[in-house]
Amino acid sequence: MGENIFPKCLACDKGHLLPFSFKEDVFEKWKCSNPDCDFIVKKRDRDGFRD
């Protein structure tokens, strides 16, 4: 039971990627839960890209 359903952060490997939604666009951004990490994955059109 204690499994996390969110993927591990690829940048810091300490946090997990958490989804954020704005307006009707579901999961537009994914941000690392580690406060010391600024990794964000953004959705643009149909392609994902990394900041």
PDB file of N, CA and C in Angstrom:
ATOM      1  N   MET A   1       0.846  -1.193   0.000  1.00  0.00           N
ATOM      2  CA  MET A   1       0.000   0.000   0.000  1.00  0.00           C
ATOM      3  C   MET A   1       0.875   1.234   0.000  1.00  0.00           C
ATOM      4  N   GLY A   2       1.506   1.886   0.379  1.00  0.00           N
ATOM      5  CA  GLY A   2       2.224   3.132   0.396  1.00  0.00           C
ATOM      6  C   GLY A   2       2.796   3.568  -0.947  1.00  0.00           C
ATOM      7  N   GLU A   3       2.380   2.907  -2.042  1.00  0.00           N
ATOM      8  CA  GLU A   3       2.905   3.290  -3.358  1.00  0.00           C
ATOM      9  C   GLU A   3       2.389   4.655  -3.770  1.00  0.00           C
ATOM     10  N   ASN A   4       3.241   5.412  -4.417  1.00  0.00           N
ATOM     11  CA  ASN A   4       2.841   6.715  -4.931  1.00  0.00           C
ATOM     12  C   ASN A   4       2.380   6.547  -6.366  1.00  0.00           C
ATOM     13  N   ILE A   5       1.240   7.119  -6.714  1.00  0.00           N
ATOM     14  CA  ILE A   5       0.711   6.964  -8.066  1.00  0.00           C
ATOM     15  C   ILE A   5       1.315   7.973  -9.032  1.00  0.00           C
ATOM     16  N   PHE A   6       2.046   8.960  -8.522  1.00  0.00           N
ATOM     17  CA  PHE A   6       2.639   9.982  -9.373  1.00  0.00           C
ATOM     18  C   PHE A   6       4.074   9.605  -9.731  1.00  0.00           C
ATOM     19  N   PRO A   7       4.507   9.931 -10.954  1.00  0.00           N
ATOM     20  CA  PRO A   7       5.858   9.555 -11.379  1.00  0.00           C
ATOM     21  C   PRO A   7       6.929  10.337 -10.629  1.00  0.00           C
ATOM     22  N   LYS A   8       8.076   9.697 -10.443  1.00  0.00           N
ATOM     23  CA  LYS A   8       9.228  10.353  -9.812  1.00  0.00           C
ATOM     24  C   LYS A   8       9.728  11.481 -10.702  1.00  0.00           C
ATOM     25  N   CYS A   9      10.250  12.531 -10.087  1.00  0.00           N
ATOM     26  CA  CYS A   9      10.830  13.647 -10.833  1.00  0.00           C
ATOM     27  C   CYS A   9      12.094  13.174 -11.537  1.00  0.00           C
ATOM     28  N   LEU A  10      12.207  13.495 -12.816  1.00  0.00           N
ATOM     29  CA  LEU A  10      13.362  13.091 -13.611  1.00  0.00           C
ATOM     30  C   LEU A  10      14.593  13.948 -13.313  1.00  0.00           C
ATOM     31  N   ALA A  11      14.379  15.134 -12.774  1.00  0.00           N
ATOM     32  CA  ALA A  11      15.482  16.058 -12.532  1.00  0.00           C
ATOM     33  C   ALA A  11      16.163  15.811 -11.184  1.00  0.00           C
ATOM     34  N   CYS A  12      15.392  15.715 -10.111  1.00  0.00           N
ATOM     35  CA  CYS A  12      15.996  15.611  -8.780  1.00  0.00           C
ATOM     36  C   CYS A  12      15.905  14.208  -8.181  1.00  0.00           C
ATOM     37  N   ASP A  13      14.984  13.397  -8.660  1.00  0.00           N
ATOM     38  CA  ASP A  13      14.768  12.028  -8.169  1.00  0.00           C
ATOM     39  C   ASP A  13      14.371  11.977  -6.695  1.00  0.00           C
ATOM     40  N   LYS A  14      13.947  13.126  -6.144  1.00  0.00           N
ATOM     41  CA  LYS A  14      13.505  13.179  -4.747  1.00  0.00           C
ATOM     42  C   LYS A  14      11.998  13.414  -4.654  1.00  0.00           C
ATOM     43  N   GLY A  15      11.478  14.250  -5.550  1.00  0.00           N
ATOM     44  CA  GLY A  15      10.054  14.573  -5.531  1.00  0.00           C
ATOM     45  C   GLY A  15       9.284  13.752  -6.544  1.00  0.00           C
ATOM     46  N   HIS A  16       7.992  14.044  -6.639  1.00  0.00           N
ATOM     47  CA  HIS A  16       7.119  13.408  -7.621  1.00  0.00           C
ATOM     48  C   HIS A  16       6.479  14.494  -8.474  1.00  0.00           C
ATOM     49  N   LEU A  17       6.157  14.156  -9.711  1.00  0.00           N
ATOM     50  CA  LEU A  17       5.508  15.113 -10.602  1.00  0.00           C
ATOM     51  C   LEU A  17       4.019  15.153 -10.292  1.00  0.00           C
ATOM     52  N   LEU A  18       3.536  16.352  -9.966  1.00  0.00           N
ATOM     53  CA  LEU A  18       2.135  16.553  -9.612  1.00  0.00           C
ATOM     54  C   LEU A  18       1.440  17.347 -10.709  1.00  0.00           C
ATOM     55  N   PRO A  19       0.215  16.932 -11.098  1.00  0.00           N
ATOM     56  CA  PRO A  19      -0.488  17.617 -12.190  1.00  0.00           C
ATOM     57  C   PRO A  19      -1.151  18.911 -11.728  1.00  0.00           C
ATOM     58  N   PHE A  20      -1.147  19.898 -12.630  1.00  0.00           N
ATOM     59  CA  PHE A  20      -1.852  21.157 -12.418  1.00  0.00           C
ATOM     60  C   PHE A  20      -2.757  21.404 -13.611  1.00  0.00           C
ATOM     61  N   SER A  21      -3.931  21.962 -13.374  1.00  0.00           N
ATOM     62  CA  SER A  21      -4.877  22.254 -14.450  1.00  0.00           C
ATOM     63  C   SER A  21      -5.262  23.720 -14.412  1.00  0.00           C
ATOM     64  N   PHE A  22      -5.436  24.282 -15.578  1.00  0.00           N
ATOM     65  CA  PHE A  22      -5.916  25.650 -15.716  1.00  0.00           C
ATOM     66  C   PHE A  22      -7.097  25.640 -16.668  1.00  0.00           C
ATOM     67  N   LYS A  23      -8.175  26.281 -16.237  1.00  0.00           N
ATOM     68  CA  LYS A  23      -9.396  26.347 -17.033  1.00  0.00           C
ATOM     69  C   LYS A  23      -9.838  24.937 -17.403  1.00  0.00           C
ATOM     70  N   GLU A  24     -10.117  24.685 -18.667  1.00  0.00           N
ATOM     71  CA  GLU A  24     -10.604  23.366 -19.062  1.00  0.00           C
ATOM     72  C   GLU A  24      -9.493  22.439 -19.536  1.00  0.00           C
ATOM     73  N   ASP A  25      -8.257  22.921 -19.554  1.00  0.00           N
ATOM     74  CA  ASP A  25      -7.145  22.101 -20.015  1.00  0.00           C
ATOM     75  C   ASP A  25      -6.618  21.253 -18.854  1.00  0.00           C
ATOM     76  N   VAL A  26      -6.978  19.994 -18.851  1.00  0.00           N
ATOM     77  CA  VAL A  26      -6.615  19.097 -17.757  1.00  0.00           C
ATOM     78  C   VAL A  26      -5.139  18.704 -17.869  1.00  0.00           C
ATOM     79  N   PHE A  27      -4.449  18.768 -16.763  1.00  0.00           N
ATOM     80  CA  PHE A  27      -3.040  18.380 -16.677  1.00  0.00           C
ATOM     81  C   PHE A  27      -2.167  19.144 -17.669  1.00  0.00           C
ATOM     82  N   GLU A  28      -2.328  20.460 -17.691  1.00  0.00           N
ATOM     83  CA  GLU A  28      -1.538  21.316 -18.581  1.00  0.00           C
ATOM     84  C   GLU A  28      -0.067  21.339 -18.170  1.00  0.00           C
ATOM     85  N   LYS A  29       0.184  21.283 -16.872  1.00  0.00           N
ATOM     86  CA  LYS A  29       1.558  21.309 -16.364  1.00  0.00           C
ATOM     87  C   LYS A  29       1.725  20.221 -15.314  1.00  0.00           C
ATOM     88  N   TRP A  30       2.944  19.736 -15.211  1.00  0.00           N
ATOM     89  CA  TRP A  30       3.325  18.828 -14.137  1.00  0.00           C
ATOM     90  C   TRP A  30       4.530  19.440 -13.439  1.00  0.00           C
ATOM     91  N   LYS A  31       4.456  19.605 -12.113  1.00  0.00           N
ATOM     92  CA  LYS A  31       5.530  20.250 -11.360  1.00  0.00           C
ATOM     93  C   LYS A  31       6.028  19.313 -10.276  1.00  0.00           C
ATOM     94  N   CYS A  32       7.340  19.395 -10.025  1.00  0.00           N
ATOM     95  CA  CYS A  32       7.943  18.560  -8.992  1.00  0.00           C
ATOM     96  C   CYS A  32       7.465  18.999  -7.605  1.00  0.00           C
ATOM     97  N   SER A  33       7.215  18.020  -6.751  1.00  0.00           N
ATOM     98  CA  SER A  33       6.744  18.303  -5.388  1.00  0.00           C
ATOM     99  C   SER A  33       7.873  18.725  -4.449  1.00  0.00           C
ATOM    100  N   ASN A  34       9.108  18.549  -4.868  1.00  0.00           N
ATOM    101  CA  ASN A  34      10.263  18.946  -4.046  1.00  0.00           C
ATOM    102  C   ASN A  34      10.418  20.469  -4.132  1.00  0.00           C
ATOM    103  N   PRO A  35      10.317  21.188  -3.013  1.00  0.00           N
ATOM    104  CA  PRO A  35      10.402  22.656  -3.042  1.00  0.00           C
ATOM    105  C   PRO A  35      11.756  23.179  -3.534  1.00  0.00           C
ATOM    106  N   ASP A  36      12.799  22.359  -3.451  1.00  0.00           N
ATOM    107  CA  ASP A  36      14.122  22.783  -3.919  1.00  0.00           C
ATOM    108  C   ASP A  36      14.336  22.543  -5.414  1.00  0.00           C
ATOM    109  N   CYS A  37      13.385  21.894  -6.061  1.00  0.00           N
ATOM    110  CA  CYS A  37      13.496  21.561  -7.483  1.00  0.00           C
ATOM    111  C   CYS A  37      12.496  22.416  -8.270  1.00  0.00           C
ATOM    112  N   ASP A  38      12.926  22.965  -9.387  1.00  0.00           N
ATOM    113  CA  ASP A  38      12.020  23.811 -10.184  1.00  0.00           C
ATOM    114  C   ASP A  38      11.620  23.141 -11.497  1.00  0.00           C
ATOM    115  N   PHE A  39      11.678  21.811 -11.547  1.00  0.00           N
ATOM    116  CA  PHE A  39      11.358  21.073 -12.760  1.00  0.00           C
ATOM    117  C   PHE A  39       9.860  21.157 -13.057  1.00  0.00           C
ATOM    118  N   ILE A  40       9.532  21.534 -14.291  1.00  0.00           N
ATOM    119  CA  ILE A  40       8.142  21.620 -14.751  1.00  0.00           C
ATOM    120  C   ILE A  40       8.063  21.025 -16.150  1.00  0.00           C
ATOM    121  N   VAL A  41       7.044  20.228 -16.393  1.00  0.00           N
ATOM    122  CA  VAL A  41       6.756  19.729 -17.732  1.00  0.00           C
ATOM    123  C   VAL A  41       5.486  20.435 -18.178  1.00  0.00           C
ATOM    124  N   LYS A  42       5.553  21.092 -19.326  1.00  0.00           N
ATOM    125  CA  LYS A  42       4.406  21.823 -19.855  1.00  0.00           C
ATOM    126  C   LYS A  42       3.899  21.154 -21.127  1.00  0.00           C
ATOM    127  N   LYS A  43       2.602  21.238 -21.320  1.00  0.00           N
ATOM    128  CA  LYS A  43       1.993  20.721 -22.538  1.00  0.00           C
ATOM    129  C   LYS A  43       1.824  21.876 -23.513  1.00  0.00           C
ATOM    130  N   ARG A  44       2.230  21.670 -24.733  1.00  0.00           N
ATOM    131  CA  ARG A  44       2.049  22.698 -25.758  1.00  0.00           C
ATOM    132  C   ARG A  44       1.471  22.028 -26.984  1.00  0.00           C
ATOM    133  N   ASP A  45       0.298  22.443 -27.371  1.00  0.00           N
ATOM    134  CA  ASP A  45      -0.436  21.778 -28.447  1.00  0.00           C
ATOM    135  C   ASP A  45      -0.488  20.286 -28.136  1.00  0.00           C
ATOM    136  N   ARG A  46       0.014  19.456 -28.996  1.00  0.00           N
ATOM    137  CA  ARG A  46       0.008  18.015 -28.728  1.00  0.00           C
ATOM    138  C   ARG A  46       1.374  17.537 -28.269  1.00  0.00           C
ATOM    139  N   ASP A  47       2.347  18.406 -28.320  1.00  0.00           N
ATOM    140  CA  ASP A  47       3.706  18.003 -27.956  1.00  0.00           C
ATOM    141  C   ASP A  47       4.026  18.417 -26.534  1.00  0.00           C
ATOM    142  N   GLY A  48       4.687  17.552 -25.798  1.00  0.00           N
ATOM    143  CA  GLY A  48       5.180  17.911 -24.480  1.00  0.00           C
ATOM    144  C   GLY A  48       6.600  18.422 -24.617  1.00  0.00           C
ATOM    145  N   PHE A  49       6.976  19.340 -23.786  1.00  0.00           N
ATOM    146  CA  PHE A  49       8.355  19.811 -23.802  1.00  0.00           C
ATOM    147  C   PHE A  49       8.772  20.144 -22.384  1.00  0.00           C
ATOM    148  N   ARG A  50      10.062  20.252 -22.199  1.00  0.00           N
ATOM    149  CA  ARG A  50      10.615  20.463 -20.875  1.00  0.00           C
ATOM    150  C   ARG A  50      11.241  21.839 -20.803  1.00  0.00           C
ATOM    151  N   ASP A  51      10.964  22.569 -19.721  1.00  0.00           N
ATOM    152  CA  ASP A  51      11.597  23.876 -19.502  1.00  0.00           C
ATOM    153  C   ASP A  51      13.022  23.706 -19.067  1.00  0.00           C
TER     154      ASP A  51
END
